[in-house]
């Protein structure tokens, strides 16, 4: 990763990673529904699915997000999601000074089972 420098008040700071500039937290409950397309968003999301089941499809590959699954979707990604079983999830949307990952392949590296 490339570093960048920034001068504030006469002090030069070298930043190796992007800075989170805004964070939003919320919870949602969903009911089953057909697939919908989600256009690229300016924020990344990190979700923990407490129960229920959805699929996320990007780059032609499906990902199953079921109970107790943590899923990361980077900013700028187009994807399709379908709610297979209704349920509850906690969501964090966060904006960054620059992208942390490109969309290419990063969704598939981001699924964790708790």
PDB file of N, CA and C in Angstrom:
ATOM      1  N   UNK A   1       0.827  -1.179   0.000  1.00  0.00           N
ATOM      2  CA  UNK A   1       0.000   0.000   0.000  1.00  0.00           C
ATOM      3  C   UNK A   1       0.872   1.243   0.000  1.00  0.00           C
ATOM      4  N   UNK A   2       0.455   2.222  -0.733  1.00  0.00           N
ATOM      5  CA  UNK A   2       1.199   3.465  -0.798  1.00  0.00           C
ATOM      6  C   UNK A   2       0.869   4.330   0.406  1.00  0.00           C
ATOM      7  N   UNK A   3       1.849   5.036   0.887  1.00  0.00           N
ATOM      8  CA  UNK A   3       1.660   5.983   1.974  1.00  0.00           C
ATOM      9  C   UNK A   3       1.422   7.361   1.373  1.00  0.00           C
ATOM     10  N   UNK A   4       0.816   8.224   2.122  1.00  0.00           N
ATOM     11  CA  UNK A   4       0.703   9.607   1.709  1.00  0.00           C
ATOM     12  C   UNK A   4       1.001  10.474   2.914  1.00  0.00           C
ATOM     13  N   UNK A   5       1.449  11.686   2.649  1.00  0.00           N
ATOM     14  CA  UNK A   5       1.767  12.591   3.750  1.00  0.00           C
ATOM     15  C   UNK A   5       0.830  13.781   3.722  1.00  0.00           C
ATOM     16  N   UNK A   6       0.631  14.331   4.886  1.00  0.00           N
ATOM     17  CA  UNK A   6      -0.280  15.451   5.052  1.00  0.00           C
ATOM     18  C   UNK A   6       0.326  16.378   6.097  1.00  0.00           C
ATOM     19  N   UNK A   7       0.285  17.657   5.835  1.00  0.00           N
ATOM     20  CA  UNK A   7       0.830  18.615   6.787  1.00  0.00           C
ATOM     21  C   UNK A   7      -0.311  19.390   7.430  1.00  0.00           C
ATOM     22  N   UNK A   8      -0.346  19.357   8.764  1.00  0.00           N
ATOM     23  CA  UNK A   8      -1.366  20.083   9.528  1.00  0.00           C
ATOM     24  C   UNK A   8      -0.663  20.849  10.629  1.00  0.00           C
ATOM     25  N   UNK A   9      -0.856  22.138  10.638  1.00  0.00           N
ATOM     26  CA  UNK A   9      -0.261  22.955  11.694  1.00  0.00           C
ATOM     27  C   UNK A   9       1.242  22.827  11.776  1.00  0.00           C
ATOM     28  N   UNK A  10       1.917  22.681  10.640  1.00  0.00           N
ATOM     29  CA  UNK A  10       3.368  22.586  10.632  1.00  0.00           C
ATOM     30  C   UNK A  10       3.903  21.192  10.923  1.00  0.00           C
ATOM     31  N   UNK A  11       3.003  20.206  11.179  1.00  0.00           N
ATOM     32  CA  UNK A  11       3.425  18.836  11.472  1.00  0.00           C
ATOM     33  C   UNK A  11       3.095  17.963  10.269  1.00  0.00           C
ATOM     34  N   UNK A  12       4.067  17.179   9.806  1.00  0.00           N
ATOM     35  CA  UNK A  12       3.836  16.273   8.688  1.00  0.00           C
ATOM     36  C   UNK A  12       3.528  14.889   9.227  1.00  0.00           C
ATOM     37  N   UNK A  13       2.396  14.343   8.788  1.00  0.00           N
ATOM     38  CA  UNK A  13       1.939  13.030   9.237  1.00  0.00           C
ATOM     39  C   UNK A  13       1.938  12.091   8.038  1.00  0.00           C
ATOM     40  N   UNK A  14       2.488  10.893   8.204  1.00  0.00           N
ATOM     41  CA  UNK A  14       2.451   9.887   7.149  1.00  0.00           C
ATOM     42  C   UNK A  14       1.361   8.883   7.502  1.00  0.00           C
ATOM     43  N   UNK A  15       0.415   8.729   6.594  1.00  0.00           N
ATOM     44  CA  UNK A  15      -0.711   7.811   6.805  1.00  0.00           C
ATOM     45  C   UNK A  15      -0.543   6.597   5.907  1.00  0.00           C
ATOM     46  N   UNK A  16      -0.514   5.423   6.479  1.00  0.00           N
ATOM     47  CA  UNK A  16      -0.369   4.195   5.707  1.00  0.00           C
ATOM     48  C   UNK A  16      -1.729   3.623   5.326  1.00  0.00           C
ATOM     49  N   UNK A  17      -2.739   3.874   6.117  1.00  0.00           N
ATOM     50  CA  UNK A  17      -4.072   3.343   5.868  1.00  0.00           C
ATOM     51  C   UNK A  17      -5.070   4.489   5.764  1.00  0.00           C
ATOM     52  N   UNK A  18      -6.203   4.249   5.107  1.00  0.00           N
ATOM     53  CA  UNK A  18      -7.221   5.286   5.045  1.00  0.00           C
ATOM     54  C   UNK A  18      -7.796   5.571   6.432  1.00  0.00           C
ATOM     55  N   UNK A  19      -8.363   6.729   6.575  1.00  0.00           N
ATOM     56  CA  UNK A  19      -8.948   7.154   7.843  1.00  0.00           C
ATOM     57  C   UNK A  19     -10.466   7.051   7.745  1.00  0.00           C
ATOM     58  N   UNK A  20     -11.106   6.497   8.769  1.00  0.00           N
ATOM     59  CA  UNK A  20     -12.569   6.463   8.818  1.00  0.00           C
ATOM     60  C   UNK A  20     -13.042   7.871   9.149  1.00  0.00           C
ATOM     61  N   UNK A  21     -13.899   8.420   8.291  1.00  0.00           N
ATOM     62  CA  UNK A  21     -14.351   9.798   8.474  1.00  0.00           C
ATOM     63  C   UNK A  21     -15.751   9.899   9.056  1.00  0.00           C
ATOM     64  N   UNK A  22     -16.554   8.857   8.912  1.00  0.00           N
ATOM     65  CA  UNK A  22     -17.922   8.857   9.459  1.00  0.00           C
ATOM     66  C   UNK A  22     -18.394   7.424   9.636  1.00  0.00           C
ATOM     67  N   UNK A  23     -19.128   7.162  10.718  1.00  0.00           N
ATOM     68  CA  UNK A  23     -19.646   5.822  11.001  1.00  0.00           C
ATOM     69  C   UNK A  23     -21.126   5.926  11.359  1.00  0.00           C
ATOM     70  N   UNK A  24     -21.921   4.996  10.853  1.00  0.00           N
ATOM     71  CA  UNK A  24     -23.347   4.916  11.172  1.00  0.00           C
ATOM     72  C   UNK A  24     -23.653   3.489  11.615  1.00  0.00           C
ATOM     73  N   UNK A  25     -24.375   3.347  12.730  1.00  0.00           N
ATOM     74  CA  UNK A  25     -24.764   2.034  13.247  1.00  0.00           C
ATOM     75  C   UNK A  25     -26.283   1.933  13.255  1.00  0.00           C
ATOM     76  N   UNK A  26     -26.804   0.767  12.917  1.00  0.00           N
ATOM     77  CA  UNK A  26     -28.237   0.535  13.051  1.00  0.00           C
ATOM     78  C   UNK A  26     -28.523  -0.957  12.996  1.00  0.00           C
ATOM     79  N   UNK A  27     -29.758  -1.300  13.349  1.00  0.00           N
ATOM     80  CA  UNK A  27     -30.218  -2.688  13.271  1.00  0.00           C
ATOM     81  C   UNK A  27     -31.430  -2.725  12.366  1.00  0.00           C
ATOM     82  N   UNK A  28     -31.619  -3.848  11.722  1.00  0.00           N
ATOM     83  CA  UNK A  28     -32.763  -3.992  10.827  1.00  0.00           C
ATOM     84  C   UNK A  28     -33.317  -5.409  10.922  1.00  0.00           C
ATOM     85  N   UNK A  29     -34.597  -5.509  10.666  1.00  0.00           N
ATOM     86  CA  UNK A  29     -35.252  -6.810  10.551  1.00  0.00           C
ATOM     87  C   UNK A  29     -35.817  -6.898   9.152  1.00  0.00           C
ATOM     88  N   UNK A  30     -35.709  -8.058   8.558  1.00  0.00           N
ATOM     89  CA  UNK A  30     -36.147  -8.211   7.177  1.00  0.00           C
ATOM     90  C   UNK A  30     -37.089  -9.391   7.022  1.00  0.00           C
ATOM     91  N   UNK A  31     -37.801  -9.385   5.913  1.00  0.00           N
ATOM     92  CA  UNK A  31     -38.680 -10.494   5.536  1.00  0.00           C
ATOM     93  C   UNK A  31     -38.203 -10.995   4.177  1.00  0.00           C
ATOM     94  N   UNK A  32     -38.519 -12.239   3.841  1.00  0.00           N
ATOM     95  CA  UNK A  32     -38.081 -12.761   2.544  1.00  0.00           C
ATOM     96  C   UNK A  32     -38.543 -11.859   1.391  1.00  0.00           C
ATOM     97  N   UNK A  33     -37.653 -11.675   0.405  1.00  0.00           N
ATOM     98  CA  UNK A  33     -38.012 -10.907  -0.786  1.00  0.00           C
ATOM     99  C   UNK A  33     -37.080 -11.310  -1.926  1.00  0.00           C
ATOM    100  N   UNK A  34     -37.556 -11.083  -3.155  1.00  0.00           N
ATOM    101  CA  UNK A  34     -36.741 -11.447  -4.323  1.00  0.00           C
ATOM    102  C   UNK A  34     -35.461 -10.622  -4.397  1.00  0.00           C
ATOM    103  N   UNK A  35     -34.579 -11.042  -5.267  1.00  0.00           N
ATOM    104  CA  UNK A  35     -33.293 -10.370  -5.451  1.00  0.00           C
ATOM    105  C   UNK A  35     -33.484  -8.931  -5.925  1.00  0.00           C
ATOM    106  N   UNK A  36     -32.653  -8.041  -5.386  1.00  0.00           N
ATOM    107  CA  UNK A  36     -32.620  -6.646  -5.818  1.00  0.00           C
ATOM    108  C   UNK A  36     -31.171  -6.270  -6.104  1.00  0.00           C
ATOM    109  N   UNK A  37     -30.985  -5.381  -7.068  1.00  0.00           N
ATOM    110  CA  UNK A  37     -29.649  -4.907  -7.394  1.00  0.00           C
ATOM    111  C   UNK A  37     -29.320  -3.691  -6.541  1.00  0.00           C
ATOM    112  N   UNK A  38     -28.115  -3.664  -6.024  1.00  0.00           N
ATOM    113  CA  UNK A  38     -27.631  -2.551  -5.212  1.00  0.00           C
ATOM    114  C   UNK A  38     -26.488  -1.890  -5.978  1.00  0.00           C
ATOM    115  N   UNK A  39     -26.674  -0.608  -6.291  1.00  0.00           N
ATOM    116  CA  UNK A  39     -25.631   0.138  -6.999  1.00  0.00           C
ATOM    117  C   UNK A  39     -24.506   0.491  -6.039  1.00  0.00           C
ATOM    118  N   UNK A  40     -23.348   0.719  -6.595  1.00  0.00           N
ATOM    119  CA  UNK A  40     -22.164   1.091  -5.809  1.00  0.00           C
ATOM    120  C   UNK A  40     -22.504   2.201  -4.821  1.00  0.00           C
ATOM    121  N   UNK A  41     -22.081   2.016  -3.581  1.00  0.00           N
ATOM    122  CA  UNK A  41     -22.361   2.995  -2.526  1.00  0.00           C
ATOM    123  C   UNK A  41     -21.059   3.674  -2.101  1.00  0.00           C
ATOM    124  N   UNK A  42     -21.162   4.888  -1.552  1.00  0.00           N
ATOM    125  CA  UNK A  42     -19.950   5.611  -1.155  1.00  0.00           C
ATOM    126  C   UNK A  42     -19.376   5.149   0.186  1.00  0.00           C
ATOM    127  N   UNK A  43     -19.976   4.160   0.813  1.00  0.00           N
ATOM    128  CA  UNK A  43     -19.525   3.670   2.109  1.00  0.00           C
ATOM    129  C   UNK A  43     -19.314   2.167   2.066  1.00  0.00           C
ATOM    130  N   UNK A  44     -18.489   1.669   2.958  1.00  0.00           N
ATOM    131  CA  UNK A  44     -18.316   0.227   3.150  1.00  0.00           C
ATOM    132  C   UNK A  44     -19.299  -0.216   4.215  1.00  0.00           C
ATOM    133  N   UNK A  45     -19.624  -1.505   4.233  1.00  0.00           N
ATOM    134  CA  UNK A  45     -20.520  -1.991   5.282  1.00  0.00           C
ATOM    135  C   UNK A  45     -19.961  -3.263   5.904  1.00  0.00           C
ATOM    136  N   UNK A  46     -20.213  -3.372   7.187  1.00  0.00           N
ATOM    137  CA  UNK A  46     -19.862  -4.551   7.960  1.00  0.00           C
ATOM    138  C   UNK A  46     -21.141  -4.952   8.673  1.00  0.00           C
ATOM    139  N   UNK A  47     -21.618  -6.172   8.429  1.00  0.00           N
ATOM    140  CA  UNK A  47     -22.871  -6.618   9.036  1.00  0.00           C
ATOM    141  C   UNK A  47     -22.667  -7.920   9.792  1.00  0.00           C
ATOM    142  N   UNK A  48     -23.398  -8.058  10.881  1.00  0.00           N
ATOM    143  CA  UNK A  48     -23.474  -9.337  11.597  1.00  0.00           C
ATOM    144  C   UNK A  48     -24.931  -9.784  11.523  1.00  0.00           C
ATOM    145  N   UNK A  49     -25.125 -10.937  10.929  1.00  0.00           N
ATOM    146  CA  UNK A  49     -26.477 -11.486  10.793  1.00  0.00           C
ATOM    147  C   UNK A  49     -26.753 -12.334  12.022  1.00  0.00           C
ATOM    148  N   UNK A  50     -27.754 -11.916  12.814  1.00  0.00           N
ATOM    149  CA  UNK A  50     -28.098 -12.638  14.040  1.00  0.00           C
ATOM    150  C   UNK A  50     -28.941 -13.872  13.734  1.00  0.00           C
ATOM    151  N   UNK A  51     -29.816 -13.759  12.742  1.00  0.00           N
ATOM    152  CA  UNK A  51     -30.604 -14.898  12.293  1.00  0.00           C
ATOM    153  C   UNK A  51     -31.120 -14.589  10.890  1.00  0.00           C
ATOM    154  N   UNK A  52     -31.715 -15.572  10.248  1.00  0.00           N
ATOM    155  CA  UNK A  52     -32.154 -15.415   8.873  1.00  0.00           C
ATOM    156  C   UNK A  52     -31.062 -15.819   7.902  1.00  0.00           C
ATOM    157  N   UNK A  53     -31.324 -15.563   6.616  1.00  0.00           N
ATOM    158  CA  UNK A  53     -30.372 -15.991   5.589  1.00  0.00           C
ATOM    159  C   UNK A  53     -30.569 -15.140   4.337  1.00  0.00           C
ATOM    160  N   UNK A  54     -29.463 -14.655   3.764  1.00  0.00           N
ATOM    161  CA  UNK A  54     -29.501 -13.919   2.502  1.00  0.00           C
ATOM    162  C   UNK A  54     -28.400 -14.432   1.588  1.00  0.00           C
ATOM    163  N   UNK A  55     -28.516 -14.090   0.319  1.00  0.00           N
ATOM    164  CA  UNK A  55     -27.409 -14.300  -0.600  1.00  0.00           C
ATOM    165  C   UNK A  55     -26.964 -12.934  -1.115  1.00  0.00           C
ATOM    166  N   UNK A  56     -25.682 -12.802  -1.324  1.00  0.00           N
ATOM    167  CA  UNK A  56     -25.087 -11.626  -1.947  1.00  0.00           C
ATOM    168  C   UNK A  56     -24.354 -12.158  -3.171  1.00  0.00           C
ATOM    169  N   UNK A  57     -24.624 -11.537  -4.328  1.00  0.00           N
ATOM    170  CA  UNK A  57     -23.969 -11.992  -5.554  1.00  0.00           C
ATOM    171  C   UNK A  57     -23.239 -10.811  -6.184  1.00  0.00           C
ATOM    172  N   UNK A  58     -21.943 -10.970  -6.367  1.00  0.00           N
ATOM    173  CA  UNK A  58     -21.110  -9.961  -7.014  1.00  0.00           C
ATOM    174  C   UNK A  58     -20.097 -10.698  -7.883  1.00  0.00           C
ATOM    175  N   UNK A  59     -19.716 -10.066  -8.954  1.00  0.00           N
ATOM    176  CA  UNK A  59     -18.741 -10.680  -9.859  1.00  0.00           C
ATOM    177  C   UNK A  59     -19.195 -12.061 -10.306  1.00  0.00           C
ATOM    178  N   UNK A  60     -20.526 -12.272 -10.359  1.00  0.00           N
ATOM    179  CA  UNK A  60     -21.075 -13.541 -10.824  1.00  0.00           C
ATOM    180  C   UNK A  60     -20.998 -14.682  -9.842  1.00  0.00           C
ATOM    181  N   UNK A  61     -20.572 -14.415  -8.622  1.00  0.00           N
ATOM    182  CA  UNK A  61     -20.420 -15.478  -7.619  1.00  0.00           C
ATOM    183  C   UNK A  61     -21.336 -15.218  -6.432  1.00  0.00           C
ATOM    184  N   UNK A  62     -22.091 -16.242  -5.983  1.00  0.00           N
ATOM    185  CA  UNK A  62     -22.975 -16.067  -4.826  1.00  0.00           C
ATOM    186  C   UNK A  62     -22.244 -16.309  -3.500  1.00  0.00           C
ATOM    187  N   UNK A  63     -22.674 -15.581  -2.496  1.00  0.00           N
ATOM    188  CA  UNK A  63     -22.158 -15.722  -1.139  1.00  0.00           C
ATOM    189  C   UNK A  63     -23.364 -15.873  -0.226  1.00  0.00           C
ATOM    190  N   UNK A  64     -23.377 -16.872   0.634  1.00  0.00           N
ATOM    191  CA  UNK A  64     -24.470 -17.075   1.564  1.00  0.00           C
ATOM    192  C   UNK A  64     -24.118 -16.440   2.897  1.00  0.00           C
ATOM    193  N   UNK A  65     -24.999 -15.605   3.402  1.00  0.00           N
ATOM    194  CA  UNK A  65     -24.830 -14.994   4.718  1.00  0.00           C
ATOM    195  C   UNK A  65     -25.963 -15.519   5.590  1.00  0.00           C
ATOM    196  N   UNK A  66     -25.634 -16.399   6.524  1.00  0.00           N
ATOM    197  CA  UNK A  66     -26.631 -17.024   7.396  1.00  0.00           C
ATOM    198  C   UNK A  66     -26.413 -16.546   8.831  1.00  0.00           C
ATOM    199  N   UNK A  67     -27.110 -17.125   9.783  1.00  0.00           N
ATOM    200  CA  UNK A  67     -26.998 -16.744  11.197  1.00  0.00           C
ATOM    201  C   UNK A  67     -25.553 -16.737  11.665  1.00  0.00           C
ATOM    202  N   UNK A  68     -25.228 -15.735  12.498  1.00  0.00           N
ATOM    203  CA  UNK A  68     -23.898 -15.598  13.091  1.00  0.00           C
ATOM    204  C   UNK A  68     -22.793 -15.428  12.051  1.00  0.00           C
ATOM    205  N   UNK A  69     -23.092 -14.747  10.963  1.00  0.00           N
ATOM    206  CA  UNK A  69     -22.109 -14.491   9.916  1.00  0.00           C
ATOM    207  C   UNK A  69     -21.782 -13.003   9.869  1.00  0.00           C
ATOM    208  N   UNK A  70     -20.509 -12.696   9.768  1.00  0.00           N
ATOM    209  CA  UNK A  70     -20.027 -11.329   9.626  1.00  0.00           C
ATOM    210  C   UNK A  70     -19.633 -11.143   8.164  1.00  0.00           C
ATOM    211  N   UNK A  71     -20.180 -10.104   7.513  1.00  0.00           N
ATOM    212  CA  UNK A  71     -19.919  -9.883   6.096  1.00  0.00           C
ATOM    213  C   UNK A  71     -19.449  -8.452   5.865  1.00  0.00           C
ATOM    214  N   UNK A  72     -18.402  -8.294   5.063  1.00  0.00           N
ATOM    215  CA  UNK A  72     -17.863  -6.985   4.698  1.00  0.00           C
ATOM    216  C   UNK A  72     -18.104  -6.757   3.217  1.00  0.00           C
ATOM    217  N   UNK A  73     -18.658  -5.582   2.881  1.00  0.00           N
ATOM    218  CA  UNK A  73     -18.808  -5.184   1.485  1.00  0.00           C
ATOM    219  C   UNK A  73     -18.140  -3.831   1.324  1.00  0.00           C
ATOM    220  N   UNK A  74     -17.080  -3.760   0.519  1.00  0.00           N
ATOM    221  CA  UNK A  74     -16.359  -2.492   0.350  1.00  0.00           C
ATOM    222  C   UNK A  74     -17.164  -1.462  -0.437  1.00  0.00           C
ATOM    223  N   UNK A  75     -16.831  -0.208  -0.251  1.00  0.00           N
ATOM    224  CA  UNK A  75     -17.478   0.854  -1.013  1.00  0.00           C
ATOM    225  C   UNK A  75     -17.205   0.663  -2.498  1.00  0.00           C
ATOM    226  N   UNK A  76     -18.128   1.162  -3.313  1.00  0.00           N
ATOM    227  CA  UNK A  76     -17.939   1.126  -4.751  1.00  0.00           C
ATOM    228  C   UNK A  76     -18.302  -0.169  -5.442  1.00  0.00           C
ATOM    229  N   UNK A  77     -18.868  -1.141  -4.721  1.00  0.00           N
ATOM    230  CA  UNK A  77     -19.213  -2.435  -5.321  1.00  0.00           C
ATOM    231  C   UNK A  77     -20.686  -2.489  -5.726  1.00  0.00           C
ATOM    232  N   UNK A  78     -20.944  -2.985  -6.912  1.00  0.00           N
ATOM    233  CA  UNK A  78     -22.306  -3.298  -7.336  1.00  0.00           C
ATOM    234  C   UNK A  78     -22.555  -4.755  -6.969  1.00  0.00           C
ATOM    235  N   UNK A  79     -23.742  -5.043  -6.446  1.00  0.00           N
ATOM    236  CA  UNK A  79     -24.050  -6.435  -6.111  1.00  0.00           C
ATOM    237  C   UNK A  79     -25.562  -6.640  -6.105  1.00  0.00           C
ATOM    238  N   UNK A  80     -25.968  -7.898  -6.051  1.00  0.00           N
ATOM    239  CA  UNK A  80     -27.371  -8.279  -5.949  1.00  0.00           C
ATOM    240  C   UNK A  80     -27.548  -9.010  -4.634  1.00  0.00           C
ATOM    241  N   UNK A  81     -28.643  -8.727  -3.937  1.00  0.00           N
ATOM    242  CA  UNK A  81     -28.912  -9.433  -2.687  1.00  0.00           C
ATOM    243  C   UNK A  81     -30.343  -9.955  -2.683  1.00  0.00           C
ATOM    244  N   UNK A  82     -30.527 -11.125  -2.097  1.00  0.00           N
ATOM    245  CA  UNK A  82     -31.849 -11.734  -1.978  1.00  0.00           C
ATOM    246  C   UNK A  82     -32.029 -12.210  -0.541  1.00  0.00           C
ATOM    247  N   UNK A  83     -33.162 -11.874   0.064  1.00  0.00           N
ATOM    248  CA  UNK A  83     -33.455 -12.317   1.431  1.00  0.00           C
ATOM    249  C   UNK A  83     -34.189 -13.652   1.338  1.00  0.00           C
ATOM    250  N   UNK A  84     -33.513 -14.724   1.734  1.00  0.00           N
ATOM    251  CA  UNK A  84     -34.077 -16.069   1.662  1.00  0.00           C
ATOM    252  C   UNK A  84     -34.938 -16.380   2.879  1.00  0.00           C
ATOM    253  N   UNK A  85     -34.461 -15.972   4.061  1.00  0.00           N
ATOM    254  CA  UNK A  85     -35.199 -16.149   5.325  1.00  0.00           C
ATOM    255  C   UNK A  85     -35.101 -14.843   6.093  1.00  0.00           C
ATOM    256  N   UNK A  86     -36.235 -14.333   6.540  1.00  0.00           N
ATOM    257  CA  UNK A  86     -36.238 -13.085   7.297  1.00  0.00           C
ATOM    258  C   UNK A  86     -35.405 -13.213   8.563  1.00  0.00           C
ATOM    259  N   UNK A  87     -34.936 -12.074   9.051  1.00  0.00           N
ATOM    260  CA  UNK A  87     -34.131 -12.109  10.264  1.00  0.00           C
ATOM    261  C   UNK A  87     -33.640 -10.733  10.652  1.00  0.00           C
ATOM    262  N   UNK A  88     -32.776 -10.720  11.659  1.00  0.00           N
ATOM    263  CA  UNK A  88     -32.261  -9.480  12.222  1.00  0.00           C
ATOM    264  C   UNK A  88     -30.754  -9.399  11.986  1.00  0.00           C
ATOM    265  N   UNK A  89     -30.276  -8.168  11.710  1.00  0.00           N
ATOM    266  CA  UNK A  89     -28.836  -7.973  11.593  1.00  0.00           C
ATOM    267  C   UNK A  89     -28.456  -6.596  12.114  1.00  0.00           C
ATOM    268  N   UNK A  90     -27.226  -6.506  12.611  1.00  0.00           N
ATOM    269  CA  UNK A  90     -26.648  -5.239  13.041  1.00  0.00           C
ATOM    270  C   UNK A  90     -25.716  -4.788  11.924  1.00  0.00           C
ATOM    271  N   UNK A  91     -25.746  -3.488  11.632  1.00  0.00           N
ATOM    272  CA  UNK A  91     -25.032  -2.959  10.474  1.00  0.00           C
ATOM    273  C   UNK A  91     -24.167  -1.776  10.880  1.00  0.00           C
ATOM    274  N   UNK A  92     -22.975  -1.713  10.307  1.00  0.00           N
ATOM    275  CA  UNK A  92     -22.119  -0.544  10.446  1.00  0.00           C
ATOM    276  C   UNK A  92     -21.753  -0.084   9.038  1.00  0.00           C
ATOM    277  N   UNK A  93     -22.130   1.150   8.702  1.00  0.00           N
ATOM    278  CA  UNK A  93     -21.697   1.775   7.454  1.00  0.00           C
ATOM    279  C   UNK A  93     -20.589   2.738   7.822  1.00  0.00           C
ATOM    280  N   UNK A  94     -19.492   2.702   7.077  1.00  0.00           N
ATOM    281  CA  UNK A  94     -18.417   3.642   7.378  1.00  0.00           C
ATOM    282  C   UNK A  94     -17.820   4.217   6.099  1.00  0.00           C
ATOM    283  N   UNK A  95     -17.566   5.512   6.173  1.00  0.00           N
ATOM    284  CA  UNK A  95     -16.981   6.275   5.082  1.00  0.00           C
ATOM    285  C   UNK A  95     -15.493   6.422   5.383  1.00  0.00           C
ATOM    286  N   UNK A  96     -14.679   6.373   4.330  1.00  0.00           N
ATOM    287  CA  UNK A  96     -13.236   6.445   4.525  1.00  0.00           C
ATOM    288  C   UNK A  96     -12.627   7.533   3.646  1.00  0.00           C
ATOM    289  N   UNK A  97     -11.460   8.010   4.047  1.00  0.00           N
ATOM    290  CA  UNK A  97     -10.767   9.051   3.290  1.00  0.00           C
ATOM    291  C   UNK A  97     -10.358   8.565   1.903  1.00  0.00           C
ATOM    292  N   UNK A  98     -10.179   7.269   1.754  1.00  0.00           N
ATOM    293  CA  UNK A  98      -9.918   6.624   0.467  1.00  0.00           C
ATOM    294  C   UNK A  98     -10.271   5.150   0.641  1.00  0.00           C
ATOM    295  N   UNK A  99     -10.525   4.428  -0.460  1.00  0.00           N
ATOM    296  CA  UNK A  99     -10.943   3.030  -0.337  1.00  0.00           C
ATOM    297  C   UNK A  99      -9.913   2.157   0.379  1.00  0.00           C
ATOM    298  N   UNK A 100     -10.411   1.232   1.174  1.00  0.00           N
ATOM    299  CA  UNK A 100      -9.560   0.273   1.866  1.00  0.00           C
ATOM    300  C   UNK A 100      -9.208  -0.878   0.926  1.00  0.00           C
ATOM    301  N   UNK A 101     -10.196  -1.338   0.156  1.00  0.00           N
ATOM    302  CA  UNK A 101     -10.026  -2.430  -0.807  1.00  0.00           C
ATOM    303  C   UNK A 101     -10.698  -2.048  -2.105  1.00  0.00           C
ATOM    304  N   UNK A 102     -10.276  -2.671  -3.174  1.00  0.00           N
ATOM    305  CA  UNK A 102     -11.038  -2.561  -4.413  1.00  0.00           C
ATOM    306  C   UNK A 102     -12.127  -3.626  -4.327  1.00  0.00           C
ATOM    307  N   UNK A 103     -13.118  -3.524  -5.163  1.00  0.00           N
ATOM    308  CA  UNK A 103     -14.210  -4.507  -5.139  1.00  0.00           C
ATOM    309  C   UNK A 103     -13.753  -5.879  -5.600  1.00  0.00           C
ATOM    310  N   UNK A 104     -12.820  -5.911  -6.514  1.00  0.00           N
ATOM    311  CA  UNK A 104     -12.381  -7.154  -7.137  1.00  0.00           C
ATOM    312  C   UNK A 104     -11.987  -8.207  -6.097  1.00  0.00           C
ATOM    313  N   UNK A 105     -12.833  -9.202  -5.893  1.00  0.00           N
ATOM    314  CA  UNK A 105     -12.506 -10.331  -5.036  1.00  0.00           C
ATOM    315  C   UNK A 105     -12.585 -10.094  -3.538  1.00  0.00           C
ATOM    316  N   UNK A 106     -12.708  -8.853  -3.087  1.00  0.00           N
ATOM    317  CA  UNK A 106     -12.628  -8.613  -1.648  1.00  0.00           C
ATOM    318  C   UNK A 106     -13.847  -9.126  -0.891  1.00  0.00           C
ATOM    319  N   UNK A 107     -15.024  -9.155  -1.525  1.00  0.00           N
ATOM    320  CA  UNK A 107     -16.213  -9.686  -0.849  1.00  0.00           C
ATOM    321  C   UNK A 107     -15.986 -11.151  -0.488  1.00  0.00           C
ATOM    322  N   UNK A 108     -15.299 -11.884  -1.356  1.00  0.00           N
ATOM    323  CA  UNK A 108     -15.134 -13.326  -1.145  1.00  0.00           C
ATOM    324  C   UNK A 108     -14.097 -13.639  -0.085  1.00  0.00           C
ATOM    325  N   UNK A 109     -13.314 -12.681   0.305  1.00  0.00           N
ATOM    326  CA  UNK A 109     -12.328 -12.873   1.365  1.00  0.00           C
ATOM    327  C   UNK A 109     -12.874 -12.404   2.711  1.00  0.00           C
ATOM    328  N   UNK A 110     -14.128 -11.944   2.742  1.00  0.00           N
ATOM    329  CA  UNK A 110     -14.588 -11.211   3.918  1.00  0.00           C
ATOM    330  C   UNK A 110     -15.659 -11.926   4.736  1.00  0.00           C
ATOM    331  N   UNK A 111     -15.950 -13.155   4.471  1.00  0.00           N
ATOM    332  CA  UNK A 111     -16.992 -13.862   5.202  1.00  0.00           C
ATOM    333  C   UNK A 111     -16.389 -14.575   6.398  1.00  0.00           C
ATOM    334  N   UNK A 112     -16.896 -14.291   7.572  1.00  0.00           N
ATOM    335  CA  UNK A 112     -16.451 -14.955   8.795  1.00  0.00           C
ATOM    336  C   UNK A 112     -17.629 -15.606   9.491  1.00  0.00           C
ATOM    337  N   UNK A 113     -17.432 -16.795   9.985  1.00  0.00           N
ATOM    338  CA  UNK A 113     -18.469 -17.438  10.804  1.00  0.00           C
ATOM    339  C   UNK A 113     -18.067 -17.238  12.248  1.00  0.00           C
ATOM    340  N   UNK A 114     -19.011 -16.774  13.064  1.00  0.00           N
ATOM    341  CA  UNK A 114     -18.738 -16.533  14.485  1.00  0.00           C
ATOM    342  C   UNK A 114     -18.862 -17.827  15.273  1.00  0.00           C
TER     343      UNK A 114
END
